[in-house]
Amino acid sequence: MASRLQSPSSINTFKHCKRKYYYQYIEKRPTSKSIHTVRGNIVHSTLEHFFDINIDKLSQDTVDRMFTMQLQQEFIKQWQSYDNDLRSLDMTNDQLKFYFEESLMMIMNWQKQFVARLRAKVSPLPLAFKELTPQRELELKSETHQVRGFIDAIETENGNVTIVDYKTNKRSDIKDSIKLQLSIYCLLYQEEFGNLPDNVAVFFLRDKQYTLPVHKDNVKDAMFEIEQIHMHTKMTEKMSDYEKNVTPLCKWKTGQCDFYDICKPF
């Protein structure tokens, strides 16, 4: 069997529960939307389009007002564009209002920290803004390793390259799954541009950005995990070869795995 094109998400699913991987990526059973995935898309799109702002009149006096207006307008636009997805979640208006306000709060937190970086630059504000404008939503794909990823932002400042991933998680924990995701991004970046980035970072939007230096071991870790999933999926597509990993994440207080009813883990 040919290698299946993988992603950080599919590899982390495989590592967590091979049966879930089987249902989602081999049988291709549909998954349900959640408020967390929908609002994550909205927030990411808002930050992506923020940098399209016209900065011709940017000054110390106008920066806060301009950025607040731009981000709020873009957020509302993105929220409205996902109206069908939001309505499909069967949530009350009060619940949607809560997530609307919480998401906007995260965006304003990001703005506060971006403005602090902007003001710290010695360049005039319009030039400093251009210097801090990252590459956004960049898709990288490796034909060699049959893996691809979508990078939220690549920042280049003072000659240093940092891959940044935005997270709307409740806790600012850089879990192993996040570390693997970032390692895969390093591998993809190296294959695309011929060298490793200097840093990887996770911006927990409720909190702040956490930056880590990149080492060659990051790429080795990514290559190992990619090799493991390809070895397994090329060898077999029998459901019995994709064992269940029964944990509290199968079913919790407010929800359950998309495949709980067919998997019957308990």
Protein backbone atom coordinates (compact mmCIF):
# COMPACT_ATOMS: atom_id res chain seq x y z
CA MET A 1 0.00 0.00 0.00
CA ALA A 2 1.16 3.51 -0.76
CA SER A 3 2.01 5.92 2.04
CA ARG A 4 -0.92 8.02 3.18
CA LEU A 5 -0.27 11.77 3.40
CA GLN A 6 -0.08 12.53 7.11
CA SER A 7 -0.30 15.67 9.22
CA PRO A 8 0.58 16.58 12.82
CA SER A 9 -3.08 16.03 13.70
CA SER A 10 -3.31 12.57 12.14
CA ILE A 11 0.01 11.48 13.66
CA ASN A 12 -1.01 12.64 17.13
CA THR A 13 -4.33 10.84 16.71
CA PHE A 14 -2.46 7.66 15.76
CA LYS A 15 -0.20 7.98 18.80
CA HIS A 16 -3.13 8.58 21.13
CA CYS A 17 -5.55 5.95 19.82
CA LYS A 18 -4.96 3.84 16.74
CA ARG A 19 -8.61 2.82 16.57
CA LYS A 20 -9.68 6.44 16.40
CA TYR A 21 -7.14 6.95 13.61
CA TYR A 22 -8.64 3.97 11.79
CA TYR A 23 -12.18 5.35 11.94
CA GLN A 24 -11.19 8.88 10.97
CA TYR A 25 -8.44 8.44 8.39
CA ILE A 26 -8.92 4.98 6.92
CA GLU A 27 -12.69 4.52 7.02
CA LYS A 28 -13.02 8.32 6.71
CA ARG A 29 -16.03 8.50 9.00
CA PRO A 30 -17.28 12.05 9.51
CA THR A 31 -16.37 13.98 12.63
CA SER A 32 -18.61 16.51 14.32
CA LYS A 33 -17.79 20.17 14.73
CA SER A 34 -17.28 21.65 18.19
CA ILE A 35 -17.30 25.20 19.47
CA HIS A 36 -13.58 24.84 20.19
CA THR A 37 -12.64 23.95 16.62
CA VAL A 38 -15.00 26.53 15.09
CA ARG A 39 -13.89 29.40 17.28
CA GLY A 40 -10.28 28.32 16.79
CA ASN A 41 -10.75 28.79 13.05
CA ILE A 42 -12.37 32.18 13.63
CA VAL A 43 -9.57 33.42 15.87
CA HIS A 44 -6.84 32.15 13.53
CA SER A 45 -8.47 33.83 10.53
CA THR A 46 -8.82 37.09 12.46
CA LEU A 47 -5.12 37.20 13.30
CA GLU A 48 -4.18 36.19 9.77
CA HIS A 49 -6.12 39.06 8.17
CA PHE A 50 -5.17 41.64 10.79
CA PHE A 51 -1.87 42.28 9.02
CA ASP A 52 -3.70 43.48 5.90
CA ILE A 53 -4.45 46.74 7.72
CA ASN A 54 -3.53 50.02 6.00
CA ILE A 55 -0.71 51.44 8.11
CA ASP A 56 -0.14 54.69 6.18
CA LYS A 57 -1.53 56.75 9.10
CA LEU A 58 -0.06 54.62 11.88
CA SER A 59 1.39 56.71 14.73
CA GLN A 60 1.96 56.53 18.47
CA ASP A 61 -1.36 58.31 18.97
CA THR A 62 -3.43 56.12 16.66
CA VAL A 63 -1.91 52.65 17.03
CA ASP A 64 -4.12 51.36 19.86
CA ARG A 65 -7.33 52.71 18.36
CA MET A 66 -6.52 51.50 14.83
CA PHE A 67 -5.56 48.02 15.93
CA THR A 68 -8.54 47.62 18.24
CA MET A 69 -10.92 48.71 15.51
CA GLN A 70 -9.28 46.48 12.90
CA LEU A 71 -9.26 43.40 15.10
CA GLN A 72 -12.81 43.86 16.35
CA GLN A 73 -14.16 44.42 12.84
CA GLU A 74 -12.25 41.44 11.46
CA PHE A 75 -13.34 39.22 14.33
CA ILE A 76 -17.01 40.09 13.84
CA LYS A 77 -16.66 39.50 10.10
CA GLN A 78 -15.08 36.08 10.69
CA TRP A 79 -17.64 35.15 13.34
CA GLN A 80 -20.47 35.97 10.94
CA SER A 81 -18.82 33.98 8.14
CA TYR A 82 -19.00 30.89 10.36
CA ASP A 83 -22.67 31.47 11.22
CA ASN A 84 -23.86 28.17 9.74
CA ASP A 85 -21.23 26.20 11.63
CA LEU A 86 -22.03 28.00 14.88
CA ARG A 87 -25.76 27.38 14.50
CA SER A 88 -25.15 23.69 13.82
CA LEU A 89 -23.67 23.31 17.31
CA ASP A 90 -27.11 23.51 18.94
CA MET A 91 -25.94 26.00 21.57
CA THR A 92 -28.01 28.65 23.31
CA ASN A 93 -27.54 32.33 22.53
CA ASP A 94 -26.04 32.82 25.99
CA GLN A 95 -23.49 30.07 25.34
CA LEU A 96 -22.54 31.55 21.98
CA LYS A 97 -22.27 34.99 23.56
CA PHE A 98 -19.89 33.58 26.17
CA TYR A 99 -17.58 32.10 23.52
CA PHE A 100 -17.83 35.25 21.41
CA GLU A 101 -16.69 37.43 24.29
CA GLU A 102 -14.04 34.97 25.45
CA SER A 103 -12.57 34.71 21.95
CA LEU A 104 -12.51 38.48 21.53
CA MET A 105 -10.76 38.76 24.90
CA MET A 106 -8.02 36.42 23.63
CA ILE A 107 -7.56 38.52 20.51
CA MET A 108 -7.31 41.71 22.56
CA ASN A 109 -4.71 40.00 24.75
CA TRP A 110 -2.70 39.17 21.63
CA GLN A 111 -3.03 42.79 20.46
CA LYS A 112 -1.72 44.15 23.77
CA GLN A 113 1.43 42.05 23.49
CA PHE A 114 1.92 42.80 19.80
CA VAL A 115 1.70 46.55 20.46
CA ALA A 116 4.32 46.21 23.21
CA ARG A 117 6.67 44.53 20.70
CA LEU A 118 5.88 47.22 18.15
CA ARG A 119 6.63 50.11 20.52
CA ALA A 120 9.90 48.45 21.57
CA LYS A 121 11.25 48.70 18.01
CA VAL A 122 13.53 51.65 17.22
CA SER A 123 12.17 51.96 13.68
CA PRO A 124 9.26 54.31 12.86
CA LEU A 125 5.97 52.55 13.57
CA PRO A 126 4.96 51.83 9.95
CA LEU A 127 8.38 50.30 9.25
CA ALA A 128 8.35 48.42 12.57
CA PHE A 129 4.93 47.00 11.68
CA LYS A 130 6.30 45.68 8.39
CA GLU A 131 9.28 44.19 10.21
CA LEU A 132 6.95 42.32 12.58
CA THR A 133 4.54 41.17 9.87
CA PRO A 134 4.99 37.38 9.58
CA GLN A 135 4.37 34.94 6.80
CA ARG A 136 0.90 33.62 7.58
CA GLU A 137 -1.01 30.39 7.08
CA LEU A 138 1.80 28.79 5.11
CA GLU A 139 1.18 25.24 3.87
CA LEU A 140 4.32 23.12 3.62
CA LYS A 141 4.41 19.60 2.22
CA SER A 142 7.14 16.98 2.09
CA GLU A 143 6.95 14.50 -0.76
CA THR A 144 9.89 12.62 0.76
CA HIS A 145 8.21 12.05 4.11
CA GLN A 146 4.59 12.25 2.92
CA VAL A 147 3.55 14.77 5.53
CA ARG A 148 2.19 18.29 5.41
CA GLY A 149 1.36 21.07 7.83
CA PHE A 150 -0.23 24.50 8.01
CA ILE A 151 1.93 26.97 9.92
CA ASP A 152 0.12 29.89 11.56
CA ALA A 153 3.01 32.34 11.38
CA ILE A 154 6.70 32.50 10.53
CA GLU A 155 8.38 35.53 12.08
CA THR A 156 11.77 36.84 10.96
CA GLU A 157 13.31 39.39 13.30
CA ASN A 158 16.96 40.43 13.48
CA GLY A 159 17.85 37.49 11.26
CA ASN A 160 16.19 34.93 13.55
CA VAL A 161 13.33 32.78 12.27
CA THR A 162 10.57 31.66 14.64
CA ILE A 163 7.70 29.34 13.77
CA VAL A 164 4.64 30.38 15.80
CA ASP A 165 1.50 28.38 16.51
CA TYR A 166 -1.56 30.02 18.05
CA LYS A 167 -3.53 28.08 20.67
CA THR A 168 -6.89 28.84 22.29
CA ASN A 169 -6.32 26.15 24.95
CA LYS A 170 -7.43 26.75 28.51
CA ARG A 171 -4.03 25.85 29.91
CA SER A 172 -0.61 27.00 28.81
CA ASP A 173 0.88 23.51 28.75
CA ILE A 174 3.31 22.63 25.98
CA LYS A 175 2.26 18.98 25.80
CA ASP A 176 4.10 16.27 23.91
CA SER A 177 1.52 16.50 21.11
CA ILE A 178 2.35 20.20 20.65
CA LYS A 179 6.09 19.50 20.75
CA LEU A 180 5.64 16.88 18.02
CA GLN A 181 3.56 19.27 15.92
CA LEU A 182 6.29 21.91 16.14
CA SER A 183 9.00 19.33 15.38
CA ILE A 184 7.15 18.35 12.21
CA TYR A 185 6.96 22.01 11.25
CA CYS A 186 10.75 22.26 11.71
CA LEU A 187 11.24 19.29 9.40
CA LEU A 188 8.96 20.80 6.77
CA TYR A 189 10.65 24.20 7.06
CA GLN A 190 14.10 22.65 6.68
CA GLU A 191 13.05 20.72 3.60
CA GLU A 192 11.44 23.79 2.04
CA PHE A 193 14.11 26.40 2.84
CA GLY A 194 17.27 24.35 3.35
CA ASN A 195 17.89 25.24 6.99
CA LEU A 196 16.23 24.92 10.38
CA PRO A 197 14.32 27.77 11.99
CA ASP A 198 16.01 29.26 15.05
CA ASN A 199 13.01 28.92 17.36
CA VAL A 200 9.53 27.52 17.67
CA ALA A 201 6.86 29.21 19.75
CA VAL A 202 3.40 28.58 21.09
CA PHE A 203 1.24 31.63 21.66
CA PHE A 204 -1.41 30.63 24.17
CA LEU A 205 -3.86 33.42 23.44
CA ARG A 206 -5.25 33.50 26.97
CA ASP A 207 -1.73 33.97 28.28
CA LYS A 208 1.42 34.75 26.29
CA GLN A 209 3.96 33.38 23.82
CA TYR A 210 6.39 30.69 24.92
CA THR A 211 9.49 30.39 22.73
CA LEU A 212 11.84 27.40 22.56
CA PRO A 213 15.15 27.01 20.70
CA VAL A 214 15.27 24.49 17.85
CA HIS A 215 17.72 21.59 17.89
CA LYS A 216 18.53 18.92 15.32
CA ASP A 217 16.88 16.41 17.65
CA ASN A 218 13.54 18.09 16.89
CA VAL A 219 13.79 16.91 13.29
CA LYS A 220 14.97 13.45 14.33
CA ASP A 221 11.95 13.10 16.62
CA ALA A 222 9.61 14.15 13.83
CA MET A 223 11.16 11.76 11.32
CA PHE A 224 10.90 8.86 13.78
CA GLU A 225 7.18 9.42 14.43
CA ILE A 226 6.43 9.88 10.73
CA GLU A 227 8.30 6.67 9.93
CA GLN A 228 6.38 4.75 12.60
CA ILE A 229 2.95 5.68 11.28
CA HIS A 230 3.93 4.98 7.66
CA MET A 231 5.30 1.56 8.58
CA HIS A 232 2.07 0.63 10.30
CA THR A 233 -0.42 2.05 7.80
CA LYS A 234 1.44 0.62 4.78
CA MET A 235 1.48 -2.81 6.38
CA THR A 236 -2.20 -3.18 7.26
CA GLU A 237 -5.64 -1.62 7.05
CA LYS A 238 -7.39 -4.26 9.15
CA MET A 239 -9.36 -2.69 11.99
CA SER A 240 -8.13 -5.32 14.45
CA ASP A 241 -4.57 -4.08 13.89
CA TYR A 242 -5.55 -0.64 15.18
CA GLU A 243 -6.06 -1.20 18.89
CA LYS A 244 -8.23 0.88 21.15
CA ASN A 245 -6.73 3.09 23.81
CA VAL A 246 -9.45 3.31 26.45
CA THR A 247 -9.03 6.45 28.56
CA PRO A 248 -11.26 9.10 30.18
CA LEU A 249 -11.01 10.96 26.85
CA CYS A 250 -13.35 8.38 25.30
CA LYS A 251 -16.25 9.94 27.22
CA TRP A 252 -16.24 12.87 29.60
CA LYS A 253 -18.72 15.02 31.48
CA THR A 254 -19.76 17.22 28.57
CA GLY A 255 -19.01 15.07 25.53
CA GLN A 256 -17.47 12.01 23.99
CA CYS A 257 -15.22 10.83 21.16
CA ASP A 258 -16.83 11.13 17.72
CA PHE A 259 -16.61 7.34 17.37
CA TYR A 260 -17.72 6.36 20.86
CA ASP A 261 -20.96 4.73 19.76
CA ILE A 262 -19.35 2.51 17.14
CA CYS A 263 -16.17 1.86 19.11
CA LYS A 264 -17.93 0.97 22.40
CA PRO A 265 -14.72 1.31 24.40
CA PHE A 266 -16.36 0.36 27.67
